N, C-alpha and C. Protein backbone atom coordinates (compact mmCIF):
# COMPACT_ATOMS: atom_id res chain seq x y z
N MET A 1 2.35 -29.50 3.16
CA MET A 1 1.29 -28.54 3.22
C MET A 1 0.02 -29.22 2.70
N SER A 2 -1.01 -29.18 3.49
CA SER A 2 -2.28 -29.75 3.03
C SER A 2 -2.96 -28.75 2.11
N LYS A 3 -3.79 -29.27 1.25
CA LYS A 3 -4.49 -28.42 0.29
C LYS A 3 -5.98 -28.53 0.52
N ALA A 4 -6.70 -27.48 0.16
CA ALA A 4 -8.14 -27.44 0.30
C ALA A 4 -8.73 -27.01 -1.04
N VAL A 5 -9.96 -27.35 -1.25
CA VAL A 5 -10.66 -26.95 -2.46
C VAL A 5 -11.31 -25.60 -2.21
N PHE A 6 -11.19 -24.72 -3.17
CA PHE A 6 -11.76 -23.37 -3.09
C PHE A 6 -12.73 -23.24 -4.26
N THR A 7 -13.98 -23.04 -3.96
CA THR A 7 -15.01 -22.91 -4.99
C THR A 7 -15.50 -21.48 -5.00
N MET A 8 -15.68 -20.93 -6.22
CA MET A 8 -16.18 -19.57 -6.32
C MET A 8 -17.07 -19.43 -7.54
N LYS A 9 -17.98 -18.49 -7.46
CA LYS A 9 -18.88 -18.22 -8.58
C LYS A 9 -18.30 -17.08 -9.41
N LEU A 10 -18.29 -17.27 -10.72
CA LEU A 10 -17.78 -16.27 -11.64
C LEU A 10 -18.74 -16.11 -12.80
N GLU A 11 -18.64 -14.97 -13.43
CA GLU A 11 -19.34 -14.81 -14.69
C GLU A 11 -18.66 -15.73 -15.70
N ALA A 12 -19.45 -16.30 -16.58
CA ALA A 12 -18.92 -17.26 -17.56
C ALA A 12 -17.83 -16.62 -18.42
N GLU A 13 -18.03 -15.38 -18.82
CA GLU A 13 -17.04 -14.71 -19.67
C GLU A 13 -15.73 -14.49 -18.93
N LEU A 14 -15.80 -14.09 -17.67
CA LEU A 14 -14.60 -13.89 -16.86
C LEU A 14 -13.84 -15.20 -16.72
N ARG A 15 -14.55 -16.27 -16.40
CA ARG A 15 -13.90 -17.58 -16.27
C ARG A 15 -13.24 -18.00 -17.57
N HIS A 16 -13.95 -17.83 -18.67
CA HIS A 16 -13.40 -18.22 -19.98
C HIS A 16 -12.13 -17.43 -20.29
N GLU A 17 -12.17 -16.11 -20.09
CA GLU A 17 -10.99 -15.28 -20.37
C GLU A 17 -9.83 -15.64 -19.47
N PHE A 18 -10.12 -15.89 -18.19
CA PHE A 18 -9.06 -16.27 -17.25
C PHE A 18 -8.43 -17.59 -17.66
N MET A 19 -9.25 -18.57 -17.93
CA MET A 19 -8.75 -19.89 -18.32
C MET A 19 -7.95 -19.81 -19.62
N THR A 20 -8.40 -18.97 -20.55
CA THR A 20 -7.69 -18.80 -21.83
C THR A 20 -6.32 -18.20 -21.60
N GLU A 21 -6.26 -17.14 -20.77
CA GLU A 21 -4.97 -16.49 -20.49
C GLU A 21 -4.01 -17.43 -19.77
N ALA A 22 -4.51 -18.17 -18.81
CA ALA A 22 -3.66 -19.13 -18.10
C ALA A 22 -3.14 -20.19 -19.07
N ALA A 23 -4.02 -20.69 -19.93
CA ALA A 23 -3.61 -21.71 -20.91
C ALA A 23 -2.59 -21.14 -21.89
N ASN A 24 -2.75 -19.87 -22.28
CA ASN A 24 -1.80 -19.24 -23.20
C ASN A 24 -0.39 -19.19 -22.61
N GLU A 25 -0.30 -19.18 -21.29
CA GLU A 25 1.00 -19.18 -20.62
C GLU A 25 1.43 -20.58 -20.20
N ASP A 26 0.65 -21.58 -20.61
CA ASP A 26 0.92 -22.97 -20.21
C ASP A 26 1.03 -23.11 -18.70
N ARG A 27 0.11 -22.46 -18.00
CA ARG A 27 0.10 -22.52 -16.54
C ARG A 27 -1.27 -22.98 -16.09
N PRO A 28 -1.31 -23.82 -15.08
CA PRO A 28 -2.61 -24.22 -14.54
C PRO A 28 -3.29 -23.02 -13.89
N ALA A 29 -4.60 -22.94 -14.06
CA ALA A 29 -5.36 -21.84 -13.46
C ALA A 29 -5.19 -21.82 -11.95
N SER A 30 -5.08 -22.98 -11.33
CA SER A 30 -4.93 -23.04 -9.87
C SER A 30 -3.62 -22.38 -9.43
N GLN A 31 -2.56 -22.56 -10.23
CA GLN A 31 -1.28 -21.94 -9.89
C GLN A 31 -1.41 -20.41 -9.98
N VAL A 32 -2.06 -19.92 -11.03
CA VAL A 32 -2.25 -18.48 -11.18
C VAL A 32 -3.08 -17.94 -10.02
N MET A 33 -4.13 -18.64 -9.65
CA MET A 33 -4.97 -18.20 -8.54
C MET A 33 -4.19 -18.16 -7.23
N ARG A 34 -3.35 -19.15 -6.99
CA ARG A 34 -2.53 -19.14 -5.77
C ARG A 34 -1.61 -17.92 -5.74
N GLU A 35 -1.01 -17.60 -6.90
CA GLU A 35 -0.14 -16.43 -6.96
C GLU A 35 -0.94 -15.15 -6.72
N LEU A 36 -2.11 -15.06 -7.34
CA LEU A 36 -2.96 -13.89 -7.12
C LEU A 36 -3.35 -13.75 -5.66
N MET A 37 -3.67 -14.86 -5.03
CA MET A 37 -4.05 -14.83 -3.61
C MET A 37 -2.87 -14.41 -2.75
N ARG A 38 -1.69 -14.95 -3.03
CA ARG A 38 -0.49 -14.57 -2.25
C ARG A 38 -0.18 -13.09 -2.43
N ASP A 39 -0.30 -12.60 -3.67
CA ASP A 39 -0.06 -11.19 -3.92
C ASP A 39 -1.06 -10.32 -3.17
N TYR A 40 -2.31 -10.73 -3.18
CA TYR A 40 -3.35 -9.98 -2.47
C TYR A 40 -3.06 -9.93 -0.97
N ILE A 41 -2.70 -11.07 -0.41
CA ILE A 41 -2.38 -11.14 1.02
C ILE A 41 -1.20 -10.22 1.33
N ALA A 42 -0.17 -10.26 0.49
CA ALA A 42 1.01 -9.41 0.71
C ALA A 42 0.63 -7.93 0.62
N GLN A 43 -0.20 -7.57 -0.35
CA GLN A 43 -0.65 -6.18 -0.49
C GLN A 43 -1.41 -5.73 0.75
N ARG A 44 -2.32 -6.54 1.23
CA ARG A 44 -3.12 -6.17 2.39
C ARG A 44 -2.24 -6.04 3.63
N ARG A 45 -1.28 -6.94 3.80
CA ARG A 45 -0.36 -6.83 4.96
C ARG A 45 0.44 -5.55 4.87
N GLN A 46 0.94 -5.25 3.68
CA GLN A 46 1.72 -4.03 3.51
C GLN A 46 0.86 -2.80 3.80
N ALA A 47 -0.37 -2.81 3.34
CA ALA A 47 -1.27 -1.68 3.59
C ALA A 47 -1.54 -1.52 5.08
N ARG A 48 -1.76 -2.63 5.78
CA ARG A 48 -1.99 -2.55 7.23
C ARG A 48 -0.74 -2.03 7.95
N GLU A 49 0.44 -2.50 7.53
CA GLU A 49 1.68 -2.03 8.16
C GLU A 49 1.87 -0.54 7.92
N TYR A 50 1.56 -0.08 6.71
CA TYR A 50 1.70 1.34 6.40
C TYR A 50 0.70 2.16 7.20
N ASP A 51 -0.53 1.68 7.29
CA ASP A 51 -1.54 2.38 8.09
C ASP A 51 -1.10 2.49 9.54
N ALA A 52 -0.55 1.41 10.08
CA ALA A 52 -0.06 1.43 11.46
C ALA A 52 1.09 2.42 11.61
N TYR A 53 1.99 2.45 10.62
CA TYR A 53 3.10 3.40 10.62
C TYR A 53 2.57 4.83 10.64
N LEU A 54 1.59 5.12 9.77
CA LEU A 54 1.02 6.47 9.74
C LEU A 54 0.35 6.83 11.05
N LEU A 55 -0.37 5.90 11.64
CA LEU A 55 -1.01 6.17 12.93
C LEU A 55 0.02 6.50 13.99
N ARG A 56 1.15 5.77 13.99
CA ARG A 56 2.22 6.06 14.96
C ARG A 56 2.78 7.46 14.74
N LYS A 57 2.98 7.83 13.47
CA LYS A 57 3.51 9.15 13.16
C LYS A 57 2.53 10.25 13.58
N VAL A 58 1.25 10.05 13.32
CA VAL A 58 0.24 11.04 13.69
C VAL A 58 0.19 11.17 15.20
N GLU A 59 0.20 10.06 15.90
CA GLU A 59 0.15 10.11 17.36
C GLU A 59 1.38 10.81 17.93
N ALA A 60 2.55 10.53 17.35
CA ALA A 60 3.77 11.21 17.81
C ALA A 60 3.66 12.72 17.57
N ALA A 61 3.09 13.10 16.44
CA ALA A 61 2.91 14.53 16.16
C ALA A 61 1.93 15.16 17.13
N ARG A 62 0.85 14.45 17.45
CA ARG A 62 -0.12 14.98 18.42
C ARG A 62 0.51 15.16 19.79
N ILE A 63 1.30 14.18 20.20
CA ILE A 63 2.00 14.28 21.49
C ILE A 63 2.93 15.49 21.49
N SER A 64 3.65 15.66 20.39
CA SER A 64 4.57 16.79 20.25
C SER A 64 3.81 18.12 20.33
N MET A 65 2.68 18.20 19.66
CA MET A 65 1.88 19.42 19.69
C MET A 65 1.36 19.71 21.11
N ARG A 66 0.88 18.67 21.78
CA ARG A 66 0.37 18.86 23.15
C ARG A 66 1.47 19.29 24.10
N ALA A 67 2.70 18.86 23.79
CA ALA A 67 3.83 19.23 24.65
C ALA A 67 4.39 20.61 24.31
N GLY A 68 3.77 21.27 23.33
CA GLY A 68 4.20 22.63 22.98
C GLY A 68 5.39 22.68 22.04
N ARG A 69 5.70 21.57 21.40
CA ARG A 69 6.86 21.55 20.50
C ARG A 69 6.47 21.75 19.04
N GLY A 70 5.23 22.06 18.79
CA GLY A 70 4.76 22.25 17.42
C GLY A 70 5.08 23.64 16.90
N ARG A 71 5.00 23.77 15.57
CA ARG A 71 5.23 25.07 14.95
C ARG A 71 4.04 25.38 14.05
N SER A 72 3.79 26.64 13.88
CA SER A 72 2.67 27.05 13.03
C SER A 72 3.05 26.86 11.56
N ASP A 73 2.04 26.89 10.71
CA ASP A 73 2.29 26.80 9.27
C ASP A 73 3.17 27.95 8.80
N ASP A 74 2.92 29.12 9.34
CA ASP A 74 3.72 30.29 8.94
C ASP A 74 5.19 30.11 9.31
N GLU A 75 5.46 29.55 10.49
CA GLU A 75 6.85 29.32 10.91
C GLU A 75 7.54 28.32 9.98
N VAL A 76 6.85 27.25 9.66
CA VAL A 76 7.42 26.23 8.77
C VAL A 76 7.65 26.81 7.39
N GLU A 77 6.67 27.53 6.87
CA GLU A 77 6.82 28.13 5.54
C GLU A 77 7.98 29.12 5.52
N ALA A 78 8.13 29.92 6.55
CA ALA A 78 9.23 30.89 6.60
C ALA A 78 10.58 30.18 6.62
N GLU A 79 10.68 29.10 7.39
CA GLU A 79 11.94 28.35 7.45
C GLU A 79 12.31 27.79 6.08
N PHE A 80 11.33 27.21 5.39
CA PHE A 80 11.66 26.59 4.11
C PHE A 80 11.80 27.62 2.99
N ALA A 81 11.15 28.76 3.13
CA ALA A 81 11.38 29.84 2.17
C ALA A 81 12.82 30.32 2.27
N ALA A 82 13.32 30.42 3.49
CA ALA A 82 14.72 30.82 3.69
C ALA A 82 15.66 29.77 3.10
N LYS A 83 15.34 28.50 3.28
CA LYS A 83 16.18 27.44 2.71
C LYS A 83 16.15 27.48 1.18
N ARG A 84 14.97 27.72 0.59
CA ARG A 84 14.87 27.83 -0.87
C ARG A 84 15.70 29.01 -1.38
N ASP A 85 15.62 30.13 -0.64
CA ASP A 85 16.39 31.31 -1.03
C ASP A 85 17.88 31.02 -0.97
N GLN A 86 18.30 30.29 0.05
CA GLN A 86 19.72 29.95 0.20
C GLN A 86 20.19 29.06 -0.93
N VAL A 87 19.37 28.08 -1.30
CA VAL A 87 19.73 27.18 -2.41
C VAL A 87 19.81 27.96 -3.71
N ALA A 88 18.86 28.86 -3.93
CA ALA A 88 18.85 29.66 -5.15
C ALA A 88 20.07 30.58 -5.22
N ALA A 89 20.53 31.05 -4.06
CA ALA A 89 21.66 31.96 -4.02
C ALA A 89 22.99 31.23 -4.27
N ASP A 90 23.02 29.94 -3.97
CA ASP A 90 24.27 29.18 -4.14
C ASP A 90 24.51 28.84 -5.53
């Protein structure tokens, strides 16, 4: 794997605190930054995948509603009220 140099501007206090914390763990700052970057990339990918999942679910619900398979809020509430009553009775 080839490596590249990454330069960034930081506030002096932030840099000092970061370098101190990395040194306290006996870890190079570059290693910590790579881990932070990998974690950030993983978080963003997961967020995009979840957003795509939600969009698919919403679109499926819209298709269902347009096809007349939807139920009103009152119908859903009545169904689950009956289920709650049944659980309470058991």
